[in-house]
Amino acid sequence: MTARNIIGSLEKLIKLHKSFNQLAIRKTAILKANDTEAITALLISEQKHIKAISQTDKERERAVEGFLAANGTAGQPASIHTVTELTGPEETEVLEMLKAALIDEVAKLKERNGLNQQLIYQSLQFIGISRK
């Protein structure tokens, strides 16, 4: 069994995280504009993204478990490192590249969400609501 299903899941996760990052960028602009209708619509889109990311991550987990079982290493840690120990150089390179890209997208999202949290906090302070 090849790592193709794992690669496909990782590619889909990266695509979803890039899209989620675009929503986070839009959220920043919406928060600055104080557009409550737009923020409501955006929150709905965020929930859809979260659900899709969760489902895709479950697909990735199943693909890794299936790959490990097919290669006689069921029960091993379900990590990229474990998988790359069982793949050829081309698949290993692709998996490492995808891992780095996913880590980068998650880091960007974390940074953007931190900024958005600060904007929300500042807005709450401005209107006199303290953060608990």
N, C-alpha and C. Protein backbone atom coordinates (compact mmCIF):
# COMPACT_ATOMS: atom_id res chain seq x y z
N MET A 1 0.85 -1.19 0.00
CA MET A 1 0.00 0.00 0.00
C MET A 1 0.89 1.24 0.00
N THR A 2 0.52 2.21 -0.81
CA THR A 2 1.30 3.44 -0.87
C THR A 2 0.73 4.47 0.11
N ALA A 3 1.43 5.56 0.21
CA ALA A 3 1.03 6.65 1.10
C ALA A 3 0.13 7.65 0.37
N ARG A 4 -0.39 7.29 -0.79
CA ARG A 4 -1.18 8.23 -1.60
C ARG A 4 -2.38 8.79 -0.84
N ASN A 5 -3.09 7.95 -0.09
CA ASN A 5 -4.26 8.44 0.67
C ASN A 5 -3.84 9.45 1.73
N ILE A 6 -2.69 9.20 2.35
CA ILE A 6 -2.18 10.13 3.37
C ILE A 6 -1.81 11.45 2.71
N ILE A 7 -1.14 11.36 1.58
CA ILE A 7 -0.75 12.57 0.84
C ILE A 7 -1.99 13.37 0.44
N GLY A 8 -3.01 12.67 -0.06
CA GLY A 8 -4.25 13.35 -0.44
C GLY A 8 -4.91 14.05 0.74
N SER A 9 -4.93 13.39 1.88
CA SER A 9 -5.52 14.00 3.08
C SER A 9 -4.74 15.23 3.52
N LEU A 10 -3.41 15.14 3.48
CA LEU A 10 -2.59 16.28 3.87
C LEU A 10 -2.79 17.45 2.90
N GLU A 11 -2.87 17.14 1.62
CA GLU A 11 -3.11 18.21 0.63
C GLU A 11 -4.45 18.90 0.89
N LYS A 12 -5.46 18.10 1.21
CA LYS A 12 -6.78 18.66 1.51
C LYS A 12 -6.74 19.49 2.79
N LEU A 13 -6.02 19.02 3.82
CA LEU A 13 -5.89 19.79 5.06
C LEU A 13 -5.21 21.13 4.82
N ILE A 14 -4.18 21.13 3.99
CA ILE A 14 -3.48 22.38 3.68
C ILE A 14 -4.43 23.34 2.96
N LYS A 15 -5.17 22.82 1.99
CA LYS A 15 -6.12 23.65 1.25
C LYS A 15 -7.17 24.25 2.20
N LEU A 16 -7.70 23.43 3.09
CA LEU A 16 -8.70 23.92 4.05
C LEU A 16 -8.10 24.96 5.00
N HIS A 17 -6.88 24.74 5.46
CA HIS A 17 -6.25 25.71 6.35
C HIS A 17 -5.94 27.02 5.63
N LYS A 18 -5.55 26.94 4.37
CA LYS A 18 -5.34 28.18 3.59
C LYS A 18 -6.64 28.96 3.49
N SER A 19 -7.72 28.26 3.21
CA SER A 19 -9.02 28.91 3.12
C SER A 19 -9.44 29.49 4.46
N PHE A 20 -9.18 28.75 5.53
CA PHE A 20 -9.48 29.21 6.88
C PHE A 20 -8.66 30.46 7.21
N ASN A 21 -7.41 30.48 6.76
CA ASN A 21 -6.58 31.66 6.96
C ASN A 21 -7.15 32.88 6.24
N GLN A 22 -7.70 32.66 5.06
CA GLN A 22 -8.33 33.77 4.34
C GLN A 22 -9.54 34.30 5.11
N LEU A 23 -10.28 33.40 5.73
CA LEU A 23 -11.40 33.83 6.58
C LEU A 23 -10.89 34.65 7.76
N ALA A 24 -9.78 34.24 8.34
CA ALA A 24 -9.21 34.96 9.49
C ALA A 24 -8.76 36.36 9.07
N ILE A 25 -8.23 36.48 7.87
CA ILE A 25 -7.83 37.79 7.35
C ILE A 25 -9.07 38.67 7.15
N ARG A 26 -10.12 38.07 6.57
CA ARG A 26 -11.37 38.82 6.40
C ARG A 26 -11.96 39.21 7.74
N LYS A 27 -11.82 38.32 8.73
CA LYS A 27 -12.35 38.61 10.06
C LYS A 27 -11.67 39.85 10.65
N THR A 28 -10.38 39.98 10.43
CA THR A 28 -9.66 41.15 10.93
C THR A 28 -10.29 42.43 10.37
N ALA A 29 -10.52 42.45 9.07
CA ALA A 29 -11.11 43.62 8.43
C ALA A 29 -12.52 43.88 8.95
N ILE A 30 -13.28 42.81 9.14
CA ILE A 30 -14.65 42.94 9.63
C ILE A 30 -14.67 43.46 11.07
N LEU A 31 -13.76 42.95 11.89
CA LEU A 31 -13.67 43.43 13.27
C LEU A 31 -13.30 44.91 13.31
N LYS A 32 -12.38 45.31 12.46
CA LYS A 32 -11.98 46.72 12.41
C LYS A 32 -13.14 47.60 11.97
N ALA A 33 -13.98 47.08 11.07
CA ALA A 33 -15.13 47.83 10.58
C ALA A 33 -16.33 47.73 11.51
N ASN A 34 -16.25 46.84 12.49
CA ASN A 34 -17.35 46.64 13.44
C ASN A 34 -18.65 46.28 12.74
N ASP A 35 -18.56 45.39 11.76
CA ASP A 35 -19.71 44.97 10.96
C ASP A 35 -20.29 43.68 11.55
N THR A 36 -21.30 43.83 12.41
CA THR A 36 -21.85 42.67 13.13
C THR A 36 -22.54 41.67 12.21
N GLU A 37 -23.19 42.13 11.15
CA GLU A 37 -23.83 41.19 10.22
C GLU A 37 -22.79 40.33 9.52
N ALA A 38 -21.72 40.98 9.09
CA ALA A 38 -20.67 40.25 8.39
C ALA A 38 -19.96 39.27 9.32
N ILE A 39 -19.79 39.65 10.57
CA ILE A 39 -19.11 38.75 11.51
C ILE A 39 -19.96 37.51 11.76
N THR A 40 -21.27 37.68 11.80
CA THR A 40 -22.17 36.53 11.99
C THR A 40 -22.04 35.55 10.83
N ALA A 41 -22.05 36.07 9.60
CA ALA A 41 -21.90 35.22 8.42
C ALA A 41 -20.53 34.55 8.40
N LEU A 42 -19.53 35.29 8.80
CA LEU A 42 -18.18 34.74 8.81
C LEU A 42 -18.04 33.62 9.85
N LEU A 43 -18.67 33.78 11.00
CA LEU A 43 -18.62 32.75 12.03
C LEU A 43 -19.26 31.45 11.53
N ILE A 44 -20.30 31.56 10.74
CA ILE A 44 -20.93 30.37 10.15
C ILE A 44 -19.95 29.68 9.21
N SER A 45 -19.25 30.47 8.39
CA SER A 45 -18.25 29.90 7.49
C SER A 45 -17.11 29.25 8.26
N GLU A 46 -16.71 29.88 9.37
CA GLU A 46 -15.66 29.31 10.19
C GLU A 46 -16.08 27.95 10.74
N GLN A 47 -17.32 27.83 11.19
CA GLN A 47 -17.81 26.56 11.73
C GLN A 47 -17.79 25.47 10.66
N LYS A 48 -18.13 25.84 9.43
CA LYS A 48 -18.09 24.87 8.33
C LYS A 48 -16.65 24.41 8.08
N HIS A 49 -15.72 25.36 8.13
CA HIS A 49 -14.31 25.01 7.94
C HIS A 49 -13.81 24.10 9.06
N ILE A 50 -14.18 24.41 10.27
CA ILE A 50 -13.75 23.60 11.41
C ILE A 50 -14.27 22.17 11.25
N LYS A 51 -15.51 22.03 10.83
CA LYS A 51 -16.09 20.69 10.64
C LYS A 51 -15.36 19.95 9.52
N ALA A 52 -15.09 20.64 8.41
CA ALA A 52 -14.40 20.01 7.28
C ALA A 52 -12.97 19.62 7.67
N ILE A 53 -12.29 20.47 8.42
CA ILE A 53 -10.93 20.16 8.87
C ILE A 53 -10.95 18.93 9.78
N SER A 54 -11.91 18.89 10.68
CA SER A 54 -12.02 17.76 11.60
C SER A 54 -12.27 16.46 10.84
N GLN A 55 -13.18 16.50 9.87
CA GLN A 55 -13.49 15.30 9.08
C GLN A 55 -12.27 14.85 8.27
N THR A 56 -11.57 15.81 7.68
CA THR A 56 -10.40 15.49 6.88
C THR A 56 -9.28 14.93 7.75
N ASP A 57 -9.15 15.46 8.96
CA ASP A 57 -8.14 14.94 9.85
C ASP A 57 -8.46 13.50 10.25
N LYS A 58 -9.73 13.19 10.43
CA LYS A 58 -10.12 11.81 10.72
C LYS A 58 -9.80 10.90 9.53
N GLU A 59 -10.02 11.40 8.31
CA GLU A 59 -9.66 10.65 7.11
C GLU A 59 -8.16 10.38 7.08
N ARG A 60 -7.38 11.40 7.44
CA ARG A 60 -5.92 11.26 7.48
C ARG A 60 -5.52 10.20 8.50
N GLU A 61 -6.15 10.24 9.67
CA GLU A 61 -5.85 9.24 10.71
C GLU A 61 -6.15 7.83 10.22
N ARG A 62 -7.30 7.66 9.57
CA ARG A 62 -7.66 6.34 9.04
C ARG A 62 -6.67 5.89 7.96
N ALA A 63 -6.26 6.83 7.11
CA ALA A 63 -5.30 6.50 6.05
C ALA A 63 -3.96 6.07 6.65
N VAL A 64 -3.51 6.77 7.69
CA VAL A 64 -2.25 6.41 8.34
C VAL A 64 -2.38 5.04 9.00
N GLU A 65 -3.47 4.83 9.72
CA GLU A 65 -3.67 3.53 10.37
C GLU A 65 -3.70 2.40 9.34
N GLY A 66 -4.40 2.62 8.23
CA GLY A 66 -4.46 1.61 7.17
C GLY A 66 -3.10 1.37 6.55
N PHE A 67 -2.36 2.43 6.33
CA PHE A 67 -1.01 2.31 5.76
C PHE A 67 -0.11 1.52 6.70
N LEU A 68 -0.14 1.86 7.97
CA LEU A 68 0.71 1.17 8.95
C LEU A 68 0.32 -0.31 9.06
N ALA A 69 -1.00 -0.59 9.07
CA ALA A 69 -1.46 -1.97 9.15
C ALA A 69 -1.02 -2.76 7.91
N ALA A 70 -1.13 -2.14 6.74
CA ALA A 70 -0.75 -2.81 5.50
C ALA A 70 0.76 -3.07 5.43
N ASN A 71 1.51 -2.29 6.17
CA ASN A 71 2.97 -2.45 6.17
C ASN A 71 3.47 -3.18 7.40
N GLY A 72 2.56 -3.82 8.12
CA GLY A 72 2.93 -4.65 9.25
C GLY A 72 3.41 -3.91 10.48
N THR A 73 3.01 -2.65 10.59
CA THR A 73 3.44 -1.86 11.76
C THR A 73 2.26 -1.26 12.49
N ALA A 74 1.14 -1.95 12.48
CA ALA A 74 -0.03 -1.46 13.21
C ALA A 74 0.33 -1.29 14.67
N GLY A 75 -0.20 -0.26 15.28
CA GLY A 75 0.08 0.01 16.68
C GLY A 75 1.23 0.98 16.89
N GLN A 76 1.98 1.25 15.83
CA GLN A 76 3.05 2.24 15.91
C GLN A 76 2.44 3.63 15.99
N PRO A 77 3.19 4.63 16.49
CA PRO A 77 2.66 5.99 16.53
C PRO A 77 2.25 6.45 15.13
N ALA A 78 1.06 7.02 15.04
CA ALA A 78 0.53 7.47 13.75
C ALA A 78 1.08 8.86 13.44
N SER A 79 2.34 8.90 13.04
CA SER A 79 2.98 10.19 12.75
C SER A 79 3.59 10.15 11.35
N ILE A 80 3.89 11.32 10.82
CA ILE A 80 4.56 11.41 9.52
C ILE A 80 5.91 10.69 9.60
N HIS A 81 6.59 10.86 10.72
CA HIS A 81 7.91 10.22 10.88
C HIS A 81 7.79 8.70 10.74
N THR A 82 6.80 8.11 11.38
CA THR A 82 6.60 6.67 11.30
C THR A 82 6.30 6.25 9.86
N VAL A 83 5.47 7.03 9.19
CA VAL A 83 5.11 6.71 7.81
C VAL A 83 6.33 6.82 6.90
N THR A 84 7.11 7.90 7.06
CA THR A 84 8.25 8.11 6.16
C THR A 84 9.33 7.04 6.34
N GLU A 85 9.34 6.37 7.47
CA GLU A 85 10.28 5.26 7.65
C GLU A 85 9.93 4.08 6.75
N LEU A 86 8.69 4.07 6.24
CA LEU A 86 8.20 2.95 5.44
C LEU A 86 8.01 3.31 3.96
N THR A 87 8.28 4.55 3.60
CA THR A 87 8.06 4.97 2.22
C THR A 87 9.39 5.15 1.49
N GLY A 88 9.27 5.20 0.17
CA GLY A 88 10.45 5.45 -0.65
C GLY A 88 10.84 6.92 -0.60
N PRO A 89 11.97 7.25 -1.21
CA PRO A 89 12.47 8.62 -1.13
C PRO A 89 11.52 9.68 -1.72
N GLU A 90 10.83 9.34 -2.80
CA GLU A 90 9.92 10.32 -3.42
C GLU A 90 8.74 10.62 -2.51
N GLU A 91 8.10 9.57 -1.98
CA GLU A 91 6.96 9.77 -1.08
C GLU A 91 7.41 10.45 0.21
N THR A 92 8.58 10.09 0.70
CA THR A 92 9.11 10.71 1.91
C THR A 92 9.29 12.21 1.70
N GLU A 93 9.84 12.58 0.57
CA GLU A 93 10.05 14.00 0.26
C GLU A 93 8.72 14.75 0.19
N VAL A 94 7.74 14.16 -0.47
CA VAL A 94 6.43 14.78 -0.59
C VAL A 94 5.78 14.92 0.79
N LEU A 95 5.84 13.87 1.59
CA LEU A 95 5.25 13.91 2.92
C LEU A 95 5.91 14.96 3.81
N GLU A 96 7.21 15.05 3.76
CA GLU A 96 7.92 16.06 4.56
C GLU A 96 7.57 17.47 4.10
N MET A 97 7.44 17.65 2.78
CA MET A 97 7.07 18.96 2.23
C MET A 97 5.66 19.34 2.69
N LEU A 98 4.73 18.38 2.62
CA LEU A 98 3.35 18.64 3.03
C LEU A 98 3.27 18.91 4.53
N LYS A 99 4.03 18.18 5.30
CA LYS A 99 4.07 18.40 6.75
C LYS A 99 4.52 19.83 7.05
N ALA A 100 5.58 20.28 6.38
CA ALA A 100 6.09 21.63 6.59
C ALA A 100 5.06 22.68 6.17
N ALA A 101 4.38 22.43 5.05
CA ALA A 101 3.36 23.37 4.57
C ALA A 101 2.18 23.46 5.54
N LEU A 102 1.77 22.33 6.07
CA LEU A 102 0.65 22.32 7.03
C LEU A 102 1.05 23.04 8.32
N ILE A 103 2.25 22.78 8.80
CA ILE A 103 2.73 23.47 10.00
C ILE A 103 2.75 24.97 9.77
N ASP A 104 3.18 25.39 8.59
CA ASP A 104 3.23 26.82 8.25
C ASP A 104 1.83 27.43 8.25
N GLU A 105 0.87 26.75 7.65
CA GLU A 105 -0.50 27.28 7.61
C GLU A 105 -1.10 27.37 9.01
N VAL A 106 -0.86 26.37 9.83
CA VAL A 106 -1.38 26.38 11.20
C VAL A 106 -0.75 27.53 11.99
N ALA A 107 0.54 27.75 11.80
CA ALA A 107 1.22 28.86 12.50
C ALA A 107 0.66 30.21 12.06
N LYS A 108 0.40 30.37 10.77
CA LYS A 108 -0.20 31.61 10.27
C LYS A 108 -1.58 31.83 10.88
N LEU A 109 -2.35 30.76 10.95
CA LEU A 109 -3.69 30.86 11.51
C LEU A 109 -3.63 31.23 12.99
N LYS A 110 -2.72 30.62 13.70
CA LYS A 110 -2.57 30.91 15.13
C LYS A 110 -2.20 32.39 15.32
N GLU A 111 -1.30 32.88 14.50
CA GLU A 111 -0.89 34.29 14.61
C GLU A 111 -2.06 35.23 14.30
N ARG A 112 -2.79 34.93 13.23
CA ARG A 112 -3.92 35.78 12.83
C ARG A 112 -5.01 35.74 13.90
N ASN A 113 -5.27 34.56 14.44
CA ASN A 113 -6.29 34.46 15.48
C ASN A 113 -5.89 35.22 16.74
N GLY A 114 -4.59 35.25 17.04
CA GLY A 114 -4.11 36.05 18.16
C GLY A 114 -4.39 37.52 17.95
N LEU A 115 -4.15 38.00 16.74
CA LEU A 115 -4.44 39.40 16.40
C LEU A 115 -5.94 39.68 16.53
N ASN A 116 -6.75 38.77 16.03
CA ASN A 116 -8.20 38.96 16.11
C ASN A 116 -8.68 38.98 17.56
N GLN A 117 -8.09 38.13 18.39
CA GLN A 117 -8.45 38.14 19.81
C GLN A 117 -8.11 39.49 20.45
N GLN A 118 -6.97 40.05 20.08
CA GLN A 118 -6.59 41.37 20.59
C GLN A 118 -7.58 42.44 20.16
N LEU A 119 -8.01 42.37 18.90
CA LEU A 119 -8.99 43.35 18.40
C LEU A 119 -10.32 43.22 19.16
N ILE A 120 -10.74 42.00 19.42
CA ILE A 120 -11.98 41.78 20.17
C ILE A 120 -11.82 42.33 21.59
N TYR A 121 -10.71 42.03 22.22
CA TYR A 121 -10.45 42.50 23.58
C TYR A 121 -10.46 44.03 23.64
N GLN A 122 -9.80 44.66 22.67
CA GLN A 122 -9.77 46.13 22.63
C GLN A 122 -11.16 46.70 22.44
N SER A 123 -11.96 46.05 21.60
CA SER A 123 -13.33 46.51 21.38
C SER A 123 -14.15 46.40 22.66
N LEU A 124 -13.97 45.30 23.36
CA LEU A 124 -14.70 45.11 24.62
C LEU A 124 -14.27 46.14 25.66
N GLN A 125 -12.98 46.44 25.72
CA GLN A 125 -12.50 47.46 26.64
C GLN A 125 -13.09 48.82 26.29
N PHE A 126 -13.18 49.10 24.99
CA PHE A 126 -13.68 50.38 24.53
C PHE A 126 -15.13 50.59 24.97
N ILE A 127 -15.91 49.51 24.92
CA ILE A 127 -17.31 49.66 25.30
C ILE A 127 -17.54 49.38 26.78
N GLY A 128 -16.44 49.09 27.50
CA GLY A 128 -16.54 48.98 28.95
C GLY A 128 -16.83 47.61 29.49
N ILE A 129 -16.60 46.57 28.71
CA ILE A 129 -16.79 45.20 29.18
C ILE A 129 -15.43 44.63 29.49
N SER A 130 -15.26 44.17 30.72
CA SER A 130 -13.96 43.60 31.09
C SER A 130 -13.87 42.15 30.69
N ARG A 131 -12.66 41.72 30.45
CA ARG A 131 -12.39 40.34 30.05
C ARG A 131 -12.22 39.50 31.32
N LYS A 132 -12.84 38.34 31.34
CA LYS A 132 -12.76 37.47 32.52
C LYS A 132 -11.86 36.33 32.27
